[in-house]
Amino acid sequence: MSAEKLSFEDFRPGCRFALGPKLVIAEEIIEFAREFDPQPMHLDEAAGRASILGGLAASGWHTSSMFMRMMADSYLLNALAEGAPGIDLMEWRKPVLAGDTLSGHSTVLESRPMRSRPGMGIVKFRHEVENQRGQLVLVSENSVMLRMRPETSA
């Protein structure tokens, strides 16, 4: 546990953290789909074009996983994070297609100390991820539990 890591106190309402960029690769879409969501539009370019998605499309669950990685790389791996109690909102607004580049931001909506766990706080975020055309592809809201800075004696 390094003093340099972000703590609960660093996540004030209004703070924004950049996400991405993440290039969406066809082979990764197919690999994820084979393992977790083997629907034709996630496995085959022609099937994707024939669907309402318009091309080889990442599963919504794959989109969520890519978003999770962007969030981890942006700030979670450098924070005193202790996990999340759940997800309040997860919307897949537009298809994520092979060749898209995803980016976005996480914004702190609110933060409060946890009564049930002294030394910890809970921070609620809103996340928005767009493709390279500026189209919103994912919106999510969730809370994260973060440790507070240890009190130091002078």
Protein backbone atom coordinates (compact mmCIF):
# COMPACT_ATOMS: atom_id res chain seq x y z
CA MET A 1 0.00 0.00 0.00
CA SER A 2 1.77 3.10 -1.24
CA ALA A 3 1.02 6.64 -0.03
CA GLU A 4 1.12 7.61 -3.71
CA LYS A 5 -2.03 5.64 -4.50
CA LEU A 6 -5.31 7.49 -4.90
CA SER A 7 -7.51 7.24 -1.82
CA PHE A 8 -11.14 8.01 -1.08
CA GLU A 9 -10.25 11.67 -0.49
CA ASP A 10 -9.00 12.02 -4.08
CA PHE A 11 -12.40 11.16 -5.58
CA ARG A 12 -14.46 14.32 -5.08
CA PRO A 13 -17.73 15.01 -6.90
CA GLY A 14 -17.01 16.41 -10.36
CA CYS A 15 -13.58 14.76 -10.75
CA ARG A 16 -13.16 13.20 -14.22
CA PHE A 17 -10.85 10.45 -15.35
CA ALA A 18 -10.11 9.82 -19.03
CA LEU A 19 -10.71 6.32 -20.41
CA GLY A 20 -8.96 4.74 -23.39
CA PRO A 21 -8.29 4.81 -26.19
CA LYS A 22 -8.96 1.14 -26.95
CA LEU A 23 -8.87 -0.22 -30.50
CA VAL A 24 -11.48 -2.96 -30.99
CA ILE A 25 -9.88 -5.85 -32.87
CA ALA A 26 -11.91 -8.39 -34.88
CA GLU A 27 -9.97 -11.37 -33.53
CA GLU A 28 -10.65 -10.28 -29.94
CA ILE A 29 -14.38 -9.96 -30.68
CA ILE A 30 -14.46 -13.49 -32.07
CA GLU A 31 -12.33 -14.92 -29.26
CA PHE A 32 -14.57 -13.38 -26.58
CA ALA A 33 -17.72 -14.52 -28.40
CA ARG A 34 -16.51 -18.10 -28.78
CA GLU A 35 -15.94 -18.27 -25.04
CA PHE A 36 -18.86 -16.27 -23.64
CA ASP A 37 -21.48 -15.15 -26.19
CA PRO A 38 -21.41 -17.34 -29.34
CA GLN A 39 -24.12 -15.56 -31.31
CA PRO A 40 -23.52 -15.31 -35.09
CA MET A 41 -23.16 -11.49 -35.20
CA HIS A 42 -20.24 -11.76 -32.76
CA LEU A 43 -18.53 -14.62 -34.58
CA ASP A 44 -18.75 -13.82 -38.29
CA GLU A 45 -18.44 -10.60 -40.33
CA ALA A 46 -21.11 -11.65 -42.86
CA ALA A 47 -23.57 -12.59 -40.11
CA GLY A 48 -22.84 -9.27 -38.40
CA ARG A 49 -23.51 -7.32 -41.62
CA ALA A 50 -26.78 -9.22 -42.11
CA SER A 51 -27.89 -8.34 -38.56
CA ILE A 52 -29.22 -5.02 -37.29
CA LEU A 53 -25.72 -4.35 -35.89
CA GLY A 54 -24.19 -3.71 -39.32
CA GLY A 55 -20.92 -5.61 -38.97
CA LEU A 56 -18.85 -7.85 -36.76
CA ALA A 57 -19.98 -6.51 -33.39
CA ALA A 58 -18.62 -6.97 -29.89
CA SER A 59 -21.04 -8.53 -27.45
CA GLY A 60 -22.36 -6.02 -24.93
CA TRP A 61 -20.59 -8.10 -22.29
CA HIS A 62 -17.34 -7.76 -24.25
CA THR A 63 -17.91 -4.00 -24.49
CA SER A 64 -18.38 -3.94 -20.71
CA SER A 65 -15.17 -5.93 -20.26
CA MET A 66 -13.18 -3.54 -22.46
CA PHE A 67 -14.65 -0.64 -20.48
CA MET A 68 -13.60 -2.34 -17.22
CA ARG A 69 -10.04 -2.60 -18.50
CA MET A 70 -10.02 1.08 -19.52
CA MET A 71 -11.26 1.99 -16.03
CA ALA A 72 -8.61 -0.20 -14.37
CA ASP A 73 -5.84 1.32 -16.50
CA SER A 74 -7.07 4.88 -15.95
CA TYR A 75 -7.38 4.97 -12.16
CA LEU A 76 -8.44 1.79 -10.36
CA LEU A 77 -5.03 0.11 -10.43
CA ASN A 78 -3.55 3.27 -8.92
CA ALA A 79 -6.17 3.55 -6.19
CA LEU A 80 -6.84 2.00 -2.81
CA ALA A 81 -9.92 0.33 -4.31
CA GLU A 82 -11.57 -2.54 -2.45
CA GLY A 83 -14.11 -3.60 -5.07
CA ALA A 84 -17.65 -2.61 -5.98
CA PRO A 85 -20.98 -3.54 -4.42
CA GLY A 86 -22.65 -3.80 -7.83
CA ILE A 87 -23.69 -1.93 -10.93
CA ASP A 88 -26.64 0.45 -10.86
CA LEU A 89 -26.83 1.05 -14.63
CA MET A 90 -25.30 -0.56 -17.72
CA GLU A 91 -26.58 0.54 -21.14
CA TRP A 92 -25.18 -0.47 -24.51
CA ARG A 93 -26.33 2.43 -26.69
CA LYS A 94 -24.74 1.62 -30.08
CA PRO A 95 -23.01 -1.42 -31.54
CA VAL A 96 -19.26 -1.61 -31.05
CA LEU A 97 -17.77 -2.84 -34.33
CA ALA A 98 -14.41 -4.27 -35.30
CA GLY A 99 -12.10 -1.35 -36.03
CA ASP A 100 -13.80 1.08 -33.65
CA THR A 101 -11.67 3.03 -31.20
CA LEU A 102 -13.27 3.52 -27.80
CA SER A 103 -12.57 6.34 -25.36
CA GLY A 104 -14.50 8.23 -22.74
CA HIS A 105 -14.49 9.32 -19.15
CA SER A 106 -15.57 8.44 -15.62
CA THR A 107 -17.05 11.23 -13.51
CA VAL A 108 -17.46 11.14 -9.74
CA LEU A 109 -21.12 11.83 -8.91
CA GLU A 110 -20.93 11.57 -5.13
CA SER A 111 -18.77 10.26 -2.31
CA ARG A 112 -19.39 9.50 1.32
CA PRO A 113 -17.71 7.72 4.22
CA MET A 114 -19.08 4.25 4.95
CA ARG A 115 -20.73 3.96 8.36
CA SER A 116 -20.38 0.19 8.35
CA ARG A 117 -16.65 0.22 7.57
CA PRO A 118 -14.56 2.91 9.30
CA GLY A 119 -11.62 3.99 7.19
CA MET A 120 -13.49 3.33 3.94
CA GLY A 121 -15.68 5.41 1.70
CA ILE A 122 -17.96 4.76 -1.22
CA VAL A 123 -17.69 6.71 -4.48
CA LYS A 124 -20.41 6.70 -7.14
CA PHE A 125 -19.32 7.12 -10.76
CA ARG A 126 -20.99 7.75 -14.10
CA HIS A 127 -19.08 6.36 -17.06
CA GLU A 128 -19.53 7.28 -20.72
CA VAL A 129 -17.71 5.53 -23.56
CA GLU A 130 -17.81 6.74 -27.19
CA ASN A 131 -16.54 5.42 -30.50
CA GLN A 132 -14.28 7.40 -32.83
CA ARG A 133 -17.34 9.09 -34.38
CA GLY A 134 -18.34 10.55 -31.01
CA GLN A 135 -21.30 8.19 -30.68
CA LEU A 136 -22.10 7.10 -27.14
CA VAL A 137 -21.77 3.30 -27.05
CA LEU A 138 -21.87 2.60 -23.30
CA VAL A 139 -23.24 4.37 -20.23
CA SER A 140 -22.79 2.92 -16.78
CA GLU A 141 -23.15 3.96 -13.16
CA ASN A 142 -21.70 2.14 -10.18
CA SER A 143 -20.11 2.66 -6.82
CA VAL A 144 -16.61 1.67 -5.72
CA MET A 145 -15.35 1.16 -2.18
CA LEU A 146 -12.07 2.97 -1.47
CA ARG A 147 -9.83 3.09 1.55
CA MET A 148 -9.26 6.47 3.19
CA ARG A 149 -5.79 7.86 3.76
CA PRO A 150 -4.35 6.61 7.01
CA GLU A 151 -4.33 9.25 9.73
CA THR A 152 -0.82 10.39 10.54
CA SER A 153 0.33 11.57 13.95
CA ALA A 154 2.36 14.75 14.07
